[in-house]
């Protein structure tokens, strides 16, 4: 099986292009999958956005968490 990636700048022709490609035998259209973020990617974003907490030691951390 061969794969071809087509980049379309003019969105107005997408419906027509889909109809044409679907009419061809053996041709299927696969929707692109969204790239999911890993836990590491999310953690790096948290650090960049400043959503981190630092504690001097474990006792200070537990006081902050438990109140």
Protein backbone atom coordinates (compact mmCIF):
# COMPACT_ATOMS: atom_id res chain seq x y z
CA UNK A 1 0.00 0.00 0.00
CA UNK A 2 1.28 3.44 -0.90
CA UNK A 3 0.50 6.64 0.95
CA UNK A 4 0.27 10.13 -0.46
CA UNK A 5 -0.06 13.24 1.66
CA UNK A 6 -1.84 16.13 -0.02
CA UNK A 7 -1.60 19.66 1.37
CA UNK A 8 -4.56 21.83 0.40
CA UNK A 9 -4.38 25.58 0.91
CA UNK A 10 -7.85 26.43 -0.40
CA UNK A 11 -10.31 24.82 2.03
CA UNK A 12 -13.25 25.51 -0.30
CA UNK A 13 -12.22 22.62 -2.60
CA UNK A 14 -11.91 20.00 0.16
CA UNK A 15 -15.44 18.61 -0.21
CA UNK A 16 -15.05 18.20 -3.97
CA UNK A 17 -11.63 16.62 -3.57
CA UNK A 18 -12.95 14.16 -0.98
CA UNK A 19 -15.81 13.13 -3.29
CA UNK A 20 -13.42 12.56 -6.19
CA UNK A 21 -10.97 10.53 -4.11
CA UNK A 22 -13.73 8.44 -2.50
CA UNK A 23 -15.10 7.57 -5.95
CA UNK A 24 -11.82 5.86 -6.90
CA UNK A 25 -11.63 2.14 -6.13
CA UNK A 26 -8.98 1.26 -3.60
CA UNK A 27 -8.53 4.83 -2.34
CA UNK A 28 -9.41 5.67 1.24
CA UNK A 29 -9.13 8.90 3.16
CA UNK A 30 -7.64 8.71 6.64
CA UNK A 31 -8.20 11.62 8.99
CA UNK A 32 -5.01 12.85 10.62
CA UNK A 33 -4.67 11.87 14.24
CA UNK A 34 -4.04 14.58 16.76
CA UNK A 35 -0.71 14.27 18.42
CA UNK A 36 -1.28 13.54 22.08
CA UNK A 37 0.93 15.16 24.65
CA UNK A 38 2.94 12.90 26.87
CA UNK A 39 3.23 13.47 30.60
CA UNK A 40 6.73 14.79 30.04
CA UNK A 41 5.49 17.35 27.48
CA UNK A 42 2.84 18.53 29.95
CA UNK A 43 5.41 18.75 32.76
CA UNK A 44 7.75 20.84 30.61
CA UNK A 45 4.86 23.19 29.80
CA UNK A 46 4.08 23.49 33.53
CA UNK A 47 7.67 24.46 34.27
CA UNK A 48 7.72 27.03 31.47
CA UNK A 49 4.41 28.52 32.68
CA UNK A 50 5.62 28.63 36.28
CA UNK A 51 3.08 26.13 37.60
CA UNK A 52 5.55 24.48 39.97
CA UNK A 53 6.06 24.43 43.72
CA UNK A 54 9.32 23.94 45.53
CA UNK A 55 9.73 22.99 49.15
CA UNK A 56 12.80 23.01 51.36
CA UNK A 57 12.02 19.55 52.67
CA UNK A 58 9.25 16.95 52.88
CA UNK A 59 7.78 18.41 56.08
CA UNK A 60 7.27 21.79 54.45
CA UNK A 61 5.71 20.10 51.43
CA UNK A 62 3.22 18.16 53.57
CA UNK A 63 2.33 21.31 55.55
CA UNK A 64 1.59 23.08 52.28
CA UNK A 65 -0.48 20.18 50.89
CA UNK A 66 -2.42 19.26 54.03
CA UNK A 67 -2.77 22.78 55.38
